[in-house]
Amino acid sequence: MGKRLPPFSRAYEGRIRSRTESSVPDLGTELTEDIMNALDAHNEMSTRALNSEKIRQGLKDILLNHTNLYEKLRKRSTSA
């Protein structure tokens, strides 16, 4: 008789077997749907920003006052 697998090995083997034998959703289809959902969300956020002066001002405030973007751009332009 062969050796018995320890309980953790049998559990792992069972998970692997159930993954390959069960009906797993098509990963390619799921990935495509997730990418399309992300694109839709990105488009919606961009549209809101384009249509809202308040959002654009808020984004400029974040970039200029909280990320040192102005200083970085100024330094880059003087060193070029």
C-alpha atoms as a PDB file:
ATOM      1  CA  MET A   1       0.000   0.000   0.000  1.00  0.00           C
ATOM      2  CA  GLY A   2       1.104   3.551  -0.730  1.00  0.00           C
ATOM      3  CA  LYS A   3       1.770   6.189   1.826  1.00  0.00           C
ATOM      4  CA  ARG A   4      -1.150   8.202   3.087  1.00  0.00           C
ATOM      5  CA  LEU A   5      -0.907  11.913   2.447  1.00  0.00           C
ATOM      6  CA  PRO A   6      -0.935  14.165   5.490  1.00  0.00           C
ATOM      7  CA  PRO A   7      -4.268  15.967   5.978  1.00  0.00           C
ATOM      8  CA  PHE A   8      -2.980  19.293   4.638  1.00  0.00           C
ATOM      9  CA  SER A   9      -1.784  17.598   1.445  1.00  0.00           C
ATOM     10  CA  ARG A  10      -5.110  15.865   0.902  1.00  0.00           C
ATOM     11  CA  ALA A  11      -6.951  19.146   1.410  1.00  0.00           C
ATOM     12  CA  TYR A  12      -4.655  20.920  -1.051  1.00  0.00           C
ATOM     13  CA  GLU A  13      -5.043  18.111  -3.601  1.00  0.00           C
ATOM     14  CA  GLY A  14      -8.823  18.304  -3.186  1.00  0.00           C
ATOM     15  CA  ARG A  15      -8.851  22.045  -3.836  1.00  0.00           C
ATOM     16  CA  ILE A  16      -6.728  21.641  -6.950  1.00  0.00           C
ATOM     17  CA  ARG A  17      -8.927  18.827  -8.241  1.00  0.00           C
ATOM     18  CA  SER A  18     -12.144  20.763  -7.569  1.00  0.00           C
ATOM     19  CA  ARG A  19     -10.764  23.815  -9.392  1.00  0.00           C
ATOM     20  CA  THR A  20      -9.951  21.854 -12.507  1.00  0.00           C
ATOM     21  CA  GLU A  21     -13.041  19.676 -12.500  1.00  0.00           C
ATOM     22  CA  SER A  22     -15.674  22.256 -11.614  1.00  0.00           C
ATOM     23  CA  SER A  23     -17.125  24.790 -13.967  1.00  0.00           C
ATOM     24  CA  VAL A  24     -14.792  27.736 -13.408  1.00  0.00           C
ATOM     25  CA  PRO A  25     -15.913  31.026 -14.961  1.00  0.00           C
ATOM     26  CA  ASP A  26     -13.992  31.884 -18.082  1.00  0.00           C
ATOM     27  CA  LEU A  27     -11.151  34.056 -16.811  1.00  0.00           C
ATOM     28  CA  GLY A  28     -10.727  35.763 -20.185  1.00  0.00           C
ATOM     29  CA  THR A  29     -14.358  36.832 -20.250  1.00  0.00           C
ATOM     30  CA  GLU A  30     -14.230  38.040 -16.646  1.00  0.00           C
ATOM     31  CA  LEU A  31     -11.053  40.018 -17.322  1.00  0.00           C
ATOM     32  CA  THR A  32     -12.553  41.633 -20.413  1.00  0.00           C
ATOM     33  CA  GLU A  33     -15.676  42.627 -18.468  1.00  0.00           C
ATOM     34  CA  ASP A  34     -13.567  44.102 -15.655  1.00  0.00           C
ATOM     35  CA  ILE A  35     -11.495  46.131 -18.134  1.00  0.00           C
ATOM     36  CA  MET A  36     -14.657  47.444 -19.794  1.00  0.00           C
ATOM     37  CA  ASN A  37     -16.101  48.375 -16.372  1.00  0.00           C
ATOM     38  CA  ALA A  38     -12.896  50.224 -15.487  1.00  0.00           C
ATOM     39  CA  LEU A  39     -13.038  52.078 -18.814  1.00  0.00           C
ATOM     40  CA  ASP A  40     -16.652  53.061 -18.185  1.00  0.00           C
ATOM     41  CA  ALA A  41     -15.784  54.344 -14.700  1.00  0.00           C
ATOM     42  CA  HIS A  42     -12.771  56.264 -16.031  1.00  0.00           C
ATOM     43  CA  ASN A  43     -14.855  57.855 -18.789  1.00  0.00           C
ATOM     44  CA  GLU A  44     -17.543  58.861 -16.300  1.00  0.00           C
ATOM     45  CA  MET A  45     -14.997  60.453 -13.941  1.00  0.00           C
ATOM     46  CA  SER A  46     -13.304  62.289 -16.824  1.00  0.00           C
ATOM     47  CA  THR A  47     -16.629  63.580 -18.104  1.00  0.00           C
ATOM     48  CA  ARG A  48     -17.535  64.858 -14.643  1.00  0.00           C
ATOM     49  CA  ALA A  49     -14.166  66.622 -14.369  1.00  0.00           C
ATOM     50  CA  LEU A  50     -14.554  68.205 -17.807  1.00  0.00           C
ATOM     51  CA  ASN A  51     -18.027  69.461 -16.948  1.00  0.00           C
ATOM     52  CA  SER A  52     -17.201  70.813 -13.500  1.00  0.00           C
ATOM     53  CA  GLU A  53     -15.045  73.857 -12.825  1.00  0.00           C
ATOM     54  CA  LYS A  54     -15.109  72.962  -9.118  1.00  0.00           C
ATOM     55  CA  ILE A  55     -13.600  69.513  -9.762  1.00  0.00           C
ATOM     56  CA  ARG A  56     -10.930  70.964 -12.065  1.00  0.00           C
ATOM     57  CA  GLN A  57     -10.003  73.578  -9.455  1.00  0.00           C
ATOM     58  CA  GLY A  58      -9.822  70.857  -6.810  1.00  0.00           C
ATOM     59  CA  LEU A  59      -7.518  68.768  -8.988  1.00  0.00           C
ATOM     60  CA  LYS A  60      -5.271  71.787  -9.636  1.00  0.00           C
ATOM     61  CA  ASP A  61      -5.178  72.501  -5.904  1.00  0.00           C
ATOM     62  CA  ILE A  62      -4.111  68.938  -5.150  1.00  0.00           C
ATOM     63  CA  LEU A  63      -1.440  68.937  -7.861  1.00  0.00           C
ATOM     64  CA  LEU A  64       0.002  72.371  -7.082  1.00  0.00           C
ATOM     65  CA  ASN A  65      -0.334  72.546  -3.297  1.00  0.00           C
ATOM     66  CA  HIS A  66      -0.046  68.980  -2.090  1.00  0.00           C
ATOM     67  CA  THR A  67       2.395  67.268  -4.458  1.00  0.00           C
ATOM     68  CA  ASN A  68       4.992  70.008  -5.034  1.00  0.00           C
ATOM     69  CA  LEU A  69       4.216  69.766  -8.736  1.00  0.00           C
ATOM     70  CA  TYR A  70       4.798  73.476  -9.349  1.00  0.00           C
ATOM     71  CA  GLU A  71       8.257  73.310  -7.775  1.00  0.00           C
ATOM     72  CA  LYS A  72       9.163  70.159  -9.711  1.00  0.00           C
ATOM     73  CA  LEU A  73       8.031  71.652 -13.033  1.00  0.00           C
ATOM     74  CA  ARG A  74       9.846  74.931 -12.329  1.00  0.00           C
ATOM     75  CA  LYS A  75      13.052  73.078 -11.431  1.00  0.00           C
ATOM     76  CA  ARG A  76      12.791  70.972 -14.611  1.00  0.00           C
ATOM     77  CA  SER A  77      12.279  74.043 -16.817  1.00  0.00           C
ATOM     78  CA  THR A  78      15.274  75.875 -15.346  1.00  0.00           C
ATOM     79  CA  SER A  79      17.598  72.888 -15.627  1.00  0.00           C
ATOM     80  CA  ALA A  80      16.755  72.249 -19.300  1.00  0.00           C
END
